[in-house]
Amino acid sequence: MNQKQIGKNIKDLRKEQHMTQSELAERANISAIHLSHIETGTVNMSLDTLLCLCKALTVTPNDILLGEYLSASIENMVFQERSNHLNYDDKLLLQKIYGFMEERRKK
């Protein structure tokens, strides 16, 4: 596997979730320096580290190893298309749900 591409996948996923390296490192219980090395492809990561990063990013190993995920722009387009059909109250409810999901992810 290409370590540089895997590192880029991790970096892209992190940025799509608007996380800093420090935030992701803390969530994955690794050092920010180690995460930086992983993202630049200068070190191999262990299976345990891969799984911790998956959990912290709420993605699968395939998302990281193969880059098989929807980009934020594609997801936003899909969401936008579906949300165009919602009424105002439904949009408010969705906003609250996203807020709860974000709080749960921080824990």
N, C-alpha and C. Protein backbone atom coordinates (compact mmCIF):
# COMPACT_ATOMS: atom_id res chain seq x y z
N MET A 1 0.83 -1.19 0.00
CA MET A 1 0.00 0.00 0.00
C MET A 1 0.87 1.25 0.00
N ASN A 2 0.40 2.26 -0.64
CA ASN A 2 1.13 3.51 -0.75
C ASN A 2 0.87 4.37 0.49
N GLN A 3 1.89 4.49 1.34
CA GLN A 3 1.75 5.23 2.60
C GLN A 3 1.39 6.70 2.37
N LYS A 4 1.93 7.29 1.31
CA LYS A 4 1.64 8.70 1.03
C LYS A 4 0.16 8.89 0.69
N GLN A 5 -0.41 7.96 -0.09
CA GLN A 5 -1.82 8.06 -0.45
C GLN A 5 -2.71 7.82 0.77
N ILE A 6 -2.33 6.87 1.60
CA ILE A 6 -3.10 6.61 2.83
C ILE A 6 -3.06 7.85 3.72
N GLY A 7 -1.89 8.44 3.86
CA GLY A 7 -1.76 9.66 4.65
C GLY A 7 -2.62 10.79 4.09
N LYS A 8 -2.63 10.92 2.77
CA LYS A 8 -3.46 11.94 2.13
C LYS A 8 -4.94 11.68 2.38
N ASN A 9 -5.34 10.41 2.33
CA ASN A 9 -6.74 10.06 2.61
C ASN A 9 -7.13 10.48 4.02
N ILE A 10 -6.24 10.22 4.98
CA ILE A 10 -6.51 10.60 6.36
C ILE A 10 -6.62 12.12 6.48
N LYS A 11 -5.69 12.81 5.87
CA LYS A 11 -5.70 14.28 5.91
C LYS A 11 -6.98 14.83 5.28
N ASP A 12 -7.37 14.28 4.13
CA ASP A 12 -8.59 14.74 3.46
C ASP A 12 -9.83 14.50 4.33
N LEU A 13 -9.91 13.31 4.93
CA LEU A 13 -11.04 13.00 5.81
C LEU A 13 -11.07 13.94 7.01
N ARG A 14 -9.90 14.20 7.58
CA ARG A 14 -9.81 15.10 8.74
C ARG A 14 -10.28 16.49 8.36
N LYS A 15 -9.81 16.99 7.24
CA LYS A 15 -10.18 18.34 6.82
C LYS A 15 -11.66 18.44 6.47
N GLU A 16 -12.21 17.39 5.87
CA GLU A 16 -13.64 17.39 5.56
C GLU A 16 -14.49 17.48 6.82
N GLN A 17 -13.95 17.00 7.92
CA GLN A 17 -14.66 17.06 9.19
C GLN A 17 -14.24 18.27 10.01
N HIS A 18 -13.50 19.16 9.39
CA HIS A 18 -13.08 20.43 10.01
C HIS A 18 -12.34 20.20 11.33
N MET A 19 -11.44 19.22 11.31
CA MET A 19 -10.63 18.92 12.49
C MET A 19 -9.19 19.33 12.26
N THR A 20 -8.55 19.77 13.30
CA THR A 20 -7.11 20.01 13.24
C THR A 20 -6.39 18.69 13.51
N GLN A 21 -5.10 18.67 13.24
CA GLN A 21 -4.32 17.48 13.57
C GLN A 21 -4.38 17.20 15.06
N SER A 22 -4.31 18.25 15.86
CA SER A 22 -4.35 18.07 17.32
C SER A 22 -5.67 17.46 17.77
N GLU A 23 -6.77 17.92 17.19
CA GLU A 23 -8.08 17.37 17.56
C GLU A 23 -8.19 15.90 17.19
N LEU A 24 -7.79 15.57 15.97
CA LEU A 24 -7.87 14.17 15.55
C LEU A 24 -6.92 13.30 16.38
N ALA A 25 -5.73 13.79 16.62
CA ALA A 25 -4.77 13.02 17.42
C ALA A 25 -5.33 12.73 18.81
N GLU A 26 -5.95 13.74 19.40
CA GLU A 26 -6.53 13.54 20.73
C GLU A 26 -7.65 12.52 20.70
N ARG A 27 -8.53 12.62 19.70
CA ARG A 27 -9.64 11.67 19.58
C ARG A 27 -9.15 10.25 19.32
N ALA A 28 -8.03 10.13 18.59
CA ALA A 28 -7.49 8.81 18.26
C ALA A 28 -6.49 8.32 19.30
N ASN A 29 -6.21 9.15 20.29
CA ASN A 29 -5.28 8.80 21.36
C ASN A 29 -3.87 8.51 20.84
N ILE A 30 -3.43 9.37 19.91
CA ILE A 30 -2.05 9.31 19.41
C ILE A 30 -1.48 10.73 19.49
N SER A 31 -0.18 10.86 19.34
CA SER A 31 0.42 12.20 19.40
C SER A 31 0.20 12.92 18.07
N ALA A 32 0.14 14.23 18.14
CA ALA A 32 -0.03 15.04 16.93
C ALA A 32 1.16 14.87 15.99
N ILE A 33 2.33 14.68 16.56
CA ILE A 33 3.53 14.49 15.74
C ILE A 33 3.43 13.16 14.96
N HIS A 34 2.95 12.13 15.65
CA HIS A 34 2.79 10.84 14.98
C HIS A 34 1.75 10.96 13.86
N LEU A 35 0.65 11.66 14.12
CA LEU A 35 -0.37 11.86 13.10
C LEU A 35 0.22 12.62 11.91
N SER A 36 1.02 13.62 12.17
CA SER A 36 1.66 14.38 11.10
C SER A 36 2.53 13.46 10.23
N HIS A 37 3.27 12.59 10.87
CA HIS A 37 4.11 11.63 10.13
C HIS A 37 3.26 10.66 9.31
N ILE A 38 2.13 10.25 9.87
CA ILE A 38 1.23 9.35 9.13
C ILE A 38 0.66 10.08 7.91
N GLU A 39 0.21 11.31 8.12
CA GLU A 39 -0.40 12.08 7.02
C GLU A 39 0.60 12.38 5.90
N THR A 40 1.86 12.51 6.23
CA THR A 40 2.87 12.77 5.19
C THR A 40 3.43 11.48 4.60
N GLY A 41 3.03 10.35 5.15
CA GLY A 41 3.46 9.06 4.62
C GLY A 41 4.87 8.68 4.97
N THR A 42 5.41 9.27 6.02
CA THR A 42 6.80 8.97 6.39
C THR A 42 6.93 7.82 7.38
N VAL A 43 5.80 7.36 7.93
CA VAL A 43 5.83 6.21 8.84
C VAL A 43 4.69 5.26 8.48
N ASN A 44 4.88 4.00 8.83
CA ASN A 44 3.80 3.02 8.73
C ASN A 44 3.03 3.06 10.03
N MET A 45 1.73 2.94 9.95
CA MET A 45 0.94 2.91 11.19
C MET A 45 0.54 1.48 11.51
N SER A 46 0.34 1.24 12.77
CA SER A 46 -0.08 -0.09 13.22
C SER A 46 -1.58 -0.27 12.94
N LEU A 47 -2.01 -1.51 13.02
CA LEU A 47 -3.43 -1.80 12.85
C LEU A 47 -4.24 -1.12 13.95
N ASP A 48 -3.71 -1.12 15.17
CA ASP A 48 -4.40 -0.45 16.28
C ASP A 48 -4.58 1.03 15.99
N THR A 49 -3.54 1.68 15.45
CA THR A 49 -3.64 3.10 15.13
C THR A 49 -4.66 3.33 14.02
N LEU A 50 -4.66 2.47 13.02
CA LEU A 50 -5.65 2.57 11.94
C LEU A 50 -7.06 2.51 12.50
N LEU A 51 -7.30 1.55 13.39
CA LEU A 51 -8.63 1.40 13.95
C LEU A 51 -9.02 2.59 14.84
N CYS A 52 -8.06 3.13 15.57
CA CYS A 52 -8.33 4.32 16.38
C CYS A 52 -8.67 5.51 15.50
N LEU A 53 -7.96 5.66 14.38
CA LEU A 53 -8.27 6.75 13.45
C LEU A 53 -9.64 6.56 12.81
N CYS A 54 -9.97 5.32 12.47
CA CYS A 54 -11.30 5.04 11.91
C CYS A 54 -12.40 5.45 12.89
N LYS A 55 -12.22 5.07 14.14
CA LYS A 55 -13.22 5.42 15.15
C LYS A 55 -13.31 6.93 15.33
N ALA A 56 -12.17 7.60 15.38
CA ALA A 56 -12.16 9.04 15.59
C ALA A 56 -12.78 9.80 14.41
N LEU A 57 -12.60 9.26 13.21
CA LEU A 57 -13.14 9.91 12.02
C LEU A 57 -14.52 9.38 11.62
N THR A 58 -14.99 8.36 12.34
CA THR A 58 -16.24 7.65 12.03
C THR A 58 -16.27 7.22 10.57
N VAL A 59 -15.22 6.49 10.18
CA VAL A 59 -15.11 5.94 8.83
C VAL A 59 -14.68 4.48 8.94
N THR A 60 -14.64 3.80 7.82
CA THR A 60 -14.19 2.41 7.78
C THR A 60 -12.71 2.36 7.38
N PRO A 61 -12.05 1.23 7.60
CA PRO A 61 -10.68 1.09 7.12
C PRO A 61 -10.58 1.30 5.60
N ASN A 62 -11.59 0.86 4.84
CA ASN A 62 -11.57 1.09 3.39
C ASN A 62 -11.53 2.57 3.05
N ASP A 63 -12.24 3.38 3.84
CA ASP A 63 -12.22 4.82 3.59
C ASP A 63 -10.80 5.36 3.68
N ILE A 64 -10.05 4.87 4.64
CA ILE A 64 -8.67 5.35 4.83
C ILE A 64 -7.70 4.66 3.87
N LEU A 65 -7.78 3.35 3.78
CA LEU A 65 -6.81 2.61 2.98
C LEU A 65 -7.03 2.77 1.48
N LEU A 66 -8.29 2.82 1.07
CA LEU A 66 -8.59 2.85 -0.36
C LEU A 66 -9.15 4.19 -0.82
N GLY A 67 -9.51 5.05 0.13
CA GLY A 67 -10.08 6.34 -0.24
C GLY A 67 -11.49 6.23 -0.77
N GLU A 68 -12.20 5.19 -0.35
CA GLU A 68 -13.56 4.96 -0.84
C GLU A 68 -14.57 5.67 0.05
N TYR A 69 -14.68 6.97 -0.14
CA TYR A 69 -15.65 7.75 0.60
C TYR A 69 -16.14 8.86 -0.28
N LEU A 70 -17.31 9.37 0.05
CA LEU A 70 -17.86 10.50 -0.69
C LEU A 70 -17.20 11.77 -0.21
N SER A 71 -16.81 12.59 -1.12
CA SER A 71 -16.24 13.87 -0.69
C SER A 71 -17.34 14.72 -0.09
N ALA A 72 -16.96 15.69 0.71
CA ALA A 72 -17.92 16.56 1.38
C ALA A 72 -18.78 17.29 0.36
N SER A 73 -18.21 17.68 -0.77
CA SER A 73 -19.00 18.41 -1.75
C SER A 73 -20.09 17.53 -2.35
N ILE A 74 -19.78 16.25 -2.61
CA ILE A 74 -20.79 15.34 -3.13
C ILE A 74 -21.87 15.10 -2.09
N GLU A 75 -21.45 14.88 -0.84
CA GLU A 75 -22.42 14.68 0.23
C GLU A 75 -23.31 15.91 0.37
N ASN A 76 -22.72 17.09 0.29
CA ASN A 76 -23.50 18.31 0.40
C ASN A 76 -24.50 18.44 -0.73
N MET A 77 -24.10 18.03 -1.93
CA MET A 77 -25.02 18.09 -3.06
C MET A 77 -26.20 17.16 -2.84
N VAL A 78 -25.93 15.95 -2.37
CA VAL A 78 -27.00 14.99 -2.10
C VAL A 78 -27.92 15.54 -1.01
N PHE A 79 -27.33 16.06 0.06
CA PHE A 79 -28.14 16.62 1.15
C PHE A 79 -28.96 17.80 0.65
N GLN A 80 -28.34 18.68 -0.10
CA GLN A 80 -29.03 19.87 -0.60
C GLN A 80 -30.24 19.48 -1.44
N GLU A 81 -30.05 18.49 -2.32
CA GLU A 81 -31.13 18.04 -3.18
C GLU A 81 -32.30 17.52 -2.34
N ARG A 82 -32.00 16.73 -1.33
CA ARG A 82 -33.06 16.17 -0.48
C ARG A 82 -33.68 17.23 0.41
N SER A 83 -32.88 18.14 0.91
CA SER A 83 -33.41 19.14 1.84
C SER A 83 -34.27 20.19 1.14
N ASN A 84 -34.16 20.30 -0.16
CA ASN A 84 -35.01 21.24 -0.90
C ASN A 84 -36.48 20.89 -0.77
N HIS A 85 -36.77 19.64 -0.46
CA HIS A 85 -38.15 19.18 -0.37
C HIS A 85 -38.70 19.22 1.06
N LEU A 86 -37.90 19.66 2.00
CA LEU A 86 -38.34 19.71 3.40
C LEU A 86 -38.98 21.06 3.71
N ASN A 87 -39.94 21.02 4.65
CA ASN A 87 -40.53 22.28 5.09
C ASN A 87 -39.64 22.88 6.19
N TYR A 88 -39.97 24.07 6.60
CA TYR A 88 -39.16 24.81 7.56
C TYR A 88 -38.98 24.04 8.87
N ASP A 89 -40.07 23.47 9.41
CA ASP A 89 -40.00 22.74 10.68
C ASP A 89 -39.09 21.52 10.57
N ASP A 90 -39.16 20.82 9.44
CA ASP A 90 -38.30 19.66 9.23
C ASP A 90 -36.82 20.07 9.18
N LYS A 91 -36.54 21.20 8.56
CA LYS A 91 -35.16 21.69 8.49
C LYS A 91 -34.66 22.06 9.88
N LEU A 92 -35.52 22.64 10.71
CA LEU A 92 -35.12 22.95 12.09
C LEU A 92 -34.83 21.67 12.87
N LEU A 93 -35.66 20.66 12.67
CA LEU A 93 -35.45 19.37 13.34
C LEU A 93 -34.13 18.75 12.91
N LEU A 94 -33.85 18.78 11.63
CA LEU A 94 -32.57 18.24 11.14
C LEU A 94 -31.38 18.98 11.74
N GLN A 95 -31.51 20.29 11.87
CA GLN A 95 -30.44 21.09 12.46
C GLN A 95 -30.19 20.66 13.90
N LYS A 96 -31.25 20.39 14.65
CA LYS A 96 -31.10 19.92 16.03
C LYS A 96 -30.46 18.54 16.08
N ILE A 97 -30.86 17.67 15.17
CA ILE A 97 -30.29 16.33 15.12
C ILE A 97 -28.79 16.40 14.85
N TYR A 98 -28.39 17.23 13.89
CA TYR A 98 -26.96 17.39 13.60
C TYR A 98 -26.21 17.93 14.82
N GLY A 99 -26.85 18.82 15.56
CA GLY A 99 -26.22 19.34 16.77
C GLY A 99 -26.00 18.23 17.79
N PHE A 100 -26.99 17.36 17.97
CA PHE A 100 -26.86 16.24 18.90
C PHE A 100 -25.76 15.28 18.43
N MET A 101 -25.71 15.03 17.12
CA MET A 101 -24.69 14.13 16.59
C MET A 101 -23.29 14.70 16.82
N GLU A 102 -23.13 15.98 16.62
CA GLU A 102 -21.83 16.62 16.83
C GLU A 102 -21.42 16.53 18.30
N GLU A 103 -22.34 16.75 19.21
CA GLU A 103 -22.04 16.63 20.64
C GLU A 103 -21.65 15.21 21.00
N ARG A 104 -22.35 14.23 20.44
CA ARG A 104 -22.04 12.82 20.71
C ARG A 104 -20.66 12.47 20.19
N ARG A 105 -20.28 13.01 19.03
CA ARG A 105 -18.97 12.73 18.45
C ARG A 105 -17.84 13.30 19.29
N LYS A 106 -18.10 14.40 20.00
CA LYS A 106 -17.07 15.03 20.82
C LYS A 106 -16.77 14.23 22.08
N LYS A 107 -17.68 13.35 22.46
CA LYS A 107 -17.51 12.58 23.71
C LYS A 107 -16.60 11.43 23.52
